Amino acid sequence: MELLFVALAGAILGLGARYLLPNRHTHGSVLMPALGVSVACVLWVALTWAGLKWNGGWIWWITLVGTGVVVIVADLVIGRVRTAHDEKLLHTLSRGAVAR
């Protein structure tokens, strides 16, 4: 049951990153929430395997803060890389354009 709440929290963090950070025009609308769910679930399972208790506070803090950091960094990096790639592609394509 806790994993369901963790997945929901990851989706909410991903939605927050999607709509509160810049560059949302550079990626799809589901990428950040899906990344948030994935990272939160993987962190939760890894921490339970490491021996943290499900009802302890540390597992929640580590999972939610870690998910937030990963989603924010991913959003900023993806936005920067995609913008640079789009500018390079536009430059490459417009160089061969012939005005008639």
N, C-alpha and C. Protein backbone atom coordinates (compact mmCIF):
# COMPACT_ATOMS: atom_id res chain seq x y z
N MET A 1 0.82 -1.19 0.00
CA MET A 1 0.00 0.00 0.00
C MET A 1 0.87 1.26 0.00
N GLU A 2 1.99 1.20 0.72
CA GLU A 2 2.86 2.36 0.77
C GLU A 2 3.44 2.68 -0.60
N LEU A 3 3.72 1.65 -1.40
CA LEU A 3 4.27 1.87 -2.73
C LEU A 3 3.30 2.65 -3.61
N LEU A 4 2.02 2.45 -3.42
CA LEU A 4 1.01 3.22 -4.15
C LEU A 4 1.09 4.70 -3.79
N PHE A 5 1.24 5.00 -2.50
CA PHE A 5 1.38 6.39 -2.06
C PHE A 5 2.67 7.01 -2.57
N VAL A 6 3.73 6.21 -2.60
CA VAL A 6 5.02 6.70 -3.11
C VAL A 6 4.89 7.01 -4.60
N ALA A 7 4.23 6.14 -5.37
CA ALA A 7 4.03 6.38 -6.79
C ALA A 7 3.20 7.64 -7.03
N LEU A 8 2.17 7.84 -6.21
CA LEU A 8 1.34 9.03 -6.33
C LEU A 8 2.16 10.29 -6.00
N ALA A 9 2.97 10.22 -4.97
CA ALA A 9 3.81 11.37 -4.62
C ALA A 9 4.81 11.66 -5.73
N GLY A 10 5.38 10.63 -6.34
CA GLY A 10 6.30 10.83 -7.46
C GLY A 10 5.61 11.49 -8.64
N ALA A 11 4.38 11.08 -8.92
CA ALA A 11 3.62 11.69 -10.02
C ALA A 11 3.33 13.16 -9.72
N ILE A 12 3.01 13.47 -8.48
CA ILE A 12 2.74 14.87 -8.11
C ILE A 12 4.00 15.71 -8.21
N LEU A 13 5.13 15.17 -7.77
CA LEU A 13 6.39 15.89 -7.92
C LEU A 13 6.74 16.10 -9.39
N GLY A 14 6.49 15.10 -10.20
CA GLY A 14 6.73 15.24 -11.64
C GLY A 14 5.82 16.27 -12.29
N LEU A 15 4.56 16.30 -11.87
CA LEU A 15 3.65 17.32 -12.39
C LEU A 15 4.08 18.71 -11.95
N GLY A 16 4.54 18.81 -10.71
CA GLY A 16 5.04 20.10 -10.24
C GLY A 16 6.23 20.57 -11.06
N ALA A 17 7.15 19.66 -11.36
CA ALA A 17 8.30 20.02 -12.18
C ALA A 17 7.86 20.39 -13.59
N ARG A 18 6.86 19.70 -14.09
CA ARG A 18 6.37 19.97 -15.44
C ARG A 18 5.82 21.38 -15.57
N TYR A 19 5.04 21.81 -14.59
CA TYR A 19 4.35 23.08 -14.73
C TYR A 19 5.00 24.25 -13.99
N LEU A 20 5.98 24.00 -13.13
CA LEU A 20 6.62 25.09 -12.41
C LEU A 20 8.00 25.46 -12.95
N LEU A 21 8.60 24.56 -13.73
CA LEU A 21 9.92 24.83 -14.27
C LEU A 21 9.82 25.27 -15.73
N PRO A 22 10.84 25.98 -16.21
CA PRO A 22 10.81 26.39 -17.62
C PRO A 22 11.08 25.19 -18.53
N ASN A 23 11.03 25.42 -19.80
CA ASN A 23 11.35 24.43 -20.83
C ASN A 23 10.30 23.34 -20.96
N ARG A 24 9.08 23.55 -20.53
CA ARG A 24 8.09 22.49 -20.66
C ARG A 24 7.69 22.29 -22.11
N HIS A 25 8.02 23.25 -22.97
CA HIS A 25 7.72 23.10 -24.39
C HIS A 25 8.71 22.17 -25.10
N THR A 26 9.75 21.73 -24.40
CA THR A 26 10.77 20.90 -25.04
C THR A 26 10.56 19.41 -24.83
N HIS A 27 9.60 19.01 -24.04
CA HIS A 27 9.34 17.59 -23.82
C HIS A 27 7.85 17.34 -23.67
N GLY A 28 7.48 16.09 -23.72
CA GLY A 28 6.07 15.71 -23.66
C GLY A 28 5.45 15.95 -22.30
N SER A 29 4.15 15.94 -22.26
CA SER A 29 3.45 16.27 -21.02
C SER A 29 3.50 15.16 -19.97
N VAL A 30 3.86 13.95 -20.35
CA VAL A 30 3.85 12.84 -19.42
C VAL A 30 5.27 12.45 -18.99
N LEU A 31 6.28 13.01 -19.62
CA LEU A 31 7.65 12.60 -19.33
C LEU A 31 8.05 12.84 -17.87
N MET A 32 7.84 14.01 -17.35
CA MET A 32 8.26 14.31 -15.97
C MET A 32 7.43 13.55 -14.93
N PRO A 33 6.10 13.48 -15.05
CA PRO A 33 5.37 12.65 -14.09
C PRO A 33 5.77 11.18 -14.14
N ALA A 34 6.01 10.64 -15.34
CA ALA A 34 6.43 9.24 -15.46
C ALA A 34 7.81 9.04 -14.84
N LEU A 35 8.70 9.99 -15.06
CA LEU A 35 10.02 9.92 -14.45
C LEU A 35 9.91 10.00 -12.93
N GLY A 36 9.04 10.85 -12.43
CA GLY A 36 8.83 10.97 -10.99
C GLY A 36 8.33 9.68 -10.37
N VAL A 37 7.37 9.04 -11.03
CA VAL A 37 6.85 7.76 -10.53
C VAL A 37 7.95 6.70 -10.53
N SER A 38 8.68 6.61 -11.61
CA SER A 38 9.73 5.60 -11.73
C SER A 38 10.82 5.78 -10.69
N VAL A 39 11.30 7.00 -10.55
CA VAL A 39 12.38 7.26 -9.60
C VAL A 39 11.92 7.03 -8.17
N ALA A 40 10.71 7.48 -7.85
CA ALA A 40 10.20 7.29 -6.49
C ALA A 40 10.06 5.81 -6.15
N CYS A 41 9.54 5.03 -7.07
CA CYS A 41 9.36 3.59 -6.80
C CYS A 41 10.70 2.87 -6.68
N VAL A 42 11.64 3.20 -7.56
CA VAL A 42 12.96 2.56 -7.49
C VAL A 42 13.68 2.94 -6.19
N LEU A 43 13.62 4.21 -5.82
CA LEU A 43 14.24 4.63 -4.56
C LEU A 43 13.60 3.93 -3.37
N TRP A 44 12.29 3.85 -3.36
CA TRP A 44 11.57 3.23 -2.24
C TRP A 44 11.97 1.76 -2.10
N VAL A 45 11.96 1.05 -3.21
CA VAL A 45 12.31 -0.37 -3.15
C VAL A 45 13.77 -0.56 -2.74
N ALA A 46 14.66 0.26 -3.27
CA ALA A 46 16.07 0.17 -2.88
C ALA A 46 16.27 0.44 -1.40
N LEU A 47 15.54 1.41 -0.88
CA LEU A 47 15.68 1.73 0.54
C LEU A 47 15.07 0.66 1.44
N THR A 48 14.00 0.02 0.97
CA THR A 48 13.45 -1.08 1.77
C THR A 48 14.40 -2.27 1.76
N TRP A 49 15.03 -2.53 0.63
CA TRP A 49 16.03 -3.60 0.57
C TRP A 49 17.24 -3.27 1.44
N ALA A 50 17.53 -1.97 1.59
CA ALA A 50 18.66 -1.55 2.43
C ALA A 50 18.33 -1.67 3.92
N GLY A 51 17.06 -1.93 4.24
CA GLY A 51 16.71 -2.17 5.63
C GLY A 51 15.92 -1.07 6.32
N LEU A 52 15.58 -0.02 5.61
CA LEU A 52 14.78 1.03 6.24
C LEU A 52 13.33 0.54 6.41
N LYS A 53 12.74 0.92 7.50
CA LYS A 53 11.36 0.51 7.80
C LYS A 53 10.35 1.33 7.01
N TRP A 54 9.27 0.68 6.61
CA TRP A 54 8.25 1.36 5.82
C TRP A 54 7.55 2.46 6.60
N ASN A 55 7.44 2.31 7.91
CA ASN A 55 6.75 3.32 8.70
C ASN A 55 7.70 4.34 9.32
N GLY A 56 8.95 4.32 8.91
CA GLY A 56 9.91 5.29 9.42
C GLY A 56 9.87 6.57 8.61
N GLY A 57 10.34 7.63 9.20
CA GLY A 57 10.32 8.92 8.51
C GLY A 57 11.43 9.09 7.49
N TRP A 58 12.58 8.45 7.74
CA TRP A 58 13.72 8.65 6.85
C TRP A 58 13.46 8.13 5.44
N ILE A 59 12.79 7.03 5.32
CA ILE A 59 12.53 6.47 3.99
C ILE A 59 11.67 7.42 3.16
N TRP A 60 10.73 8.06 3.82
CA TRP A 60 9.87 9.02 3.11
C TRP A 60 10.66 10.25 2.69
N TRP A 61 11.45 10.80 3.60
CA TRP A 61 12.24 12.00 3.29
C TRP A 61 13.23 11.73 2.17
N ILE A 62 13.96 10.63 2.27
CA ILE A 62 14.96 10.32 1.24
C ILE A 62 14.29 10.09 -0.11
N THR A 63 13.19 9.38 -0.12
CA THR A 63 12.50 9.09 -1.38
C THR A 63 11.94 10.36 -2.02
N LEU A 64 11.27 11.17 -1.24
CA LEU A 64 10.63 12.36 -1.82
C LEU A 64 11.64 13.43 -2.22
N VAL A 65 12.64 13.66 -1.38
CA VAL A 65 13.66 14.66 -1.73
C VAL A 65 14.49 14.17 -2.92
N GLY A 66 14.86 12.89 -2.90
CA GLY A 66 15.63 12.34 -4.01
C GLY A 66 14.86 12.40 -5.32
N THR A 67 13.58 12.08 -5.27
CA THR A 67 12.76 12.17 -6.47
C THR A 67 12.65 13.60 -6.97
N GLY A 68 12.46 14.53 -6.05
CA GLY A 68 12.38 15.93 -6.45
C GLY A 68 13.66 16.42 -7.11
N VAL A 69 14.80 16.05 -6.55
CA VAL A 69 16.08 16.47 -7.12
C VAL A 69 16.27 15.88 -8.52
N VAL A 70 15.99 14.59 -8.67
CA VAL A 70 16.17 13.94 -9.97
C VAL A 70 15.25 14.54 -11.02
N VAL A 71 14.01 14.80 -10.66
CA VAL A 71 13.06 15.34 -11.63
C VAL A 71 13.44 16.76 -12.02
N ILE A 72 13.87 17.57 -11.08
CA ILE A 72 14.28 18.94 -11.39
C ILE A 72 15.50 18.96 -12.29
N VAL A 73 16.51 18.17 -11.94
CA VAL A 73 17.73 18.12 -12.76
C VAL A 73 17.41 17.60 -14.16
N ALA A 74 16.60 16.55 -14.24
CA ALA A 74 16.24 15.99 -15.55
C ALA A 74 15.50 17.01 -16.40
N ASP A 75 14.57 17.74 -15.81
CA ASP A 75 13.82 18.74 -16.56
C ASP A 75 14.74 19.82 -17.10
N LEU A 76 15.65 20.30 -16.27
CA LEU A 76 16.56 21.36 -16.71
C LEU A 76 17.53 20.87 -17.77
N VAL A 77 18.07 19.68 -17.59
CA VAL A 77 19.04 19.14 -18.55
C VAL A 77 18.36 18.83 -19.88
N ILE A 78 17.21 18.16 -19.83
CA ILE A 78 16.50 17.83 -21.07
C ILE A 78 16.12 19.10 -21.82
N GLY A 79 15.65 20.10 -21.10
CA GLY A 79 15.28 21.36 -21.75
C GLY A 79 16.46 22.04 -22.41
N ARG A 80 17.60 22.06 -21.72
CA ARG A 80 18.79 22.70 -22.27
C ARG A 80 19.31 21.94 -23.49
N VAL A 81 19.36 20.63 -23.40
CA VAL A 81 19.88 19.82 -24.51
C VAL A 81 18.95 19.89 -25.72
N ARG A 82 17.66 19.79 -25.49
CA ARG A 82 16.72 19.83 -26.61
C ARG A 82 16.71 21.20 -27.29
N THR A 83 16.81 22.28 -26.51
CA THR A 83 16.85 23.61 -27.10
C THR A 83 18.10 23.79 -27.94
N ALA A 84 19.24 23.36 -27.43
CA ALA A 84 20.49 23.46 -28.20
C ALA A 84 20.42 22.62 -29.46
N HIS A 85 19.86 21.43 -29.36
CA HIS A 85 19.74 20.57 -30.55
C HIS A 85 18.80 21.18 -31.57
N ASP A 86 17.70 21.75 -31.13
CA ASP A 86 16.75 22.38 -32.06
C ASP A 86 17.37 23.58 -32.76
N GLU A 87 18.14 24.38 -32.02
CA GLU A 87 18.81 25.53 -32.64
C GLU A 87 19.84 25.08 -33.66
N LYS A 88 20.58 24.04 -33.34
CA LYS A 88 21.58 23.51 -34.28
C LYS A 88 20.90 22.96 -35.53
N LEU A 89 19.81 22.24 -35.36
CA LEU A 89 19.09 21.70 -36.50
C LEU A 89 18.49 22.82 -37.35
N LEU A 90 17.94 23.84 -36.73
CA LEU A 90 17.40 24.97 -37.48
C LEU A 90 18.50 25.66 -38.27
N HIS A 91 19.65 25.84 -37.66
CA HIS A 91 20.78 26.46 -38.36
C HIS A 91 21.23 25.61 -39.54
N THR A 92 21.29 24.29 -39.33
CA THR A 92 21.70 23.38 -40.40
C THR A 92 20.69 23.39 -41.55
N LEU A 93 19.43 23.36 -41.23
CA LEU A 93 18.40 23.33 -42.27
C LEU A 93 18.26 24.67 -42.99
N SER A 94 18.42 25.77 -42.29
CA SER A 94 18.25 27.08 -42.93
C SER A 94 19.47 27.48 -43.75
N ARG A 95 20.60 26.85 -43.54
CA ARG A 95 21.80 27.16 -44.30
C ARG A 95 21.63 26.76 -45.77
N GLY A 96 20.90 25.71 -46.02
CA GLY A 96 20.73 25.24 -47.39
C GLY A 96 19.48 25.78 -48.06
N ALA A 97 18.78 26.68 -47.39
CA ALA A 97 17.53 27.22 -47.95
C ALA A 97 17.82 28.18 -49.09
N VAL A 98 17.01 28.11 -50.13
CA VAL A 98 17.14 28.98 -51.29
C VAL A 98 15.87 29.82 -51.38
N ALA A 99 16.02 31.13 -51.34
CA ALA A 99 14.87 32.03 -51.42
C ALA A 99 14.51 32.23 -52.89
N ARG A 100 13.25 32.05 -53.24
CA ARG A 100 12.81 32.24 -54.64
C ARG A 100 11.69 33.23 -54.69
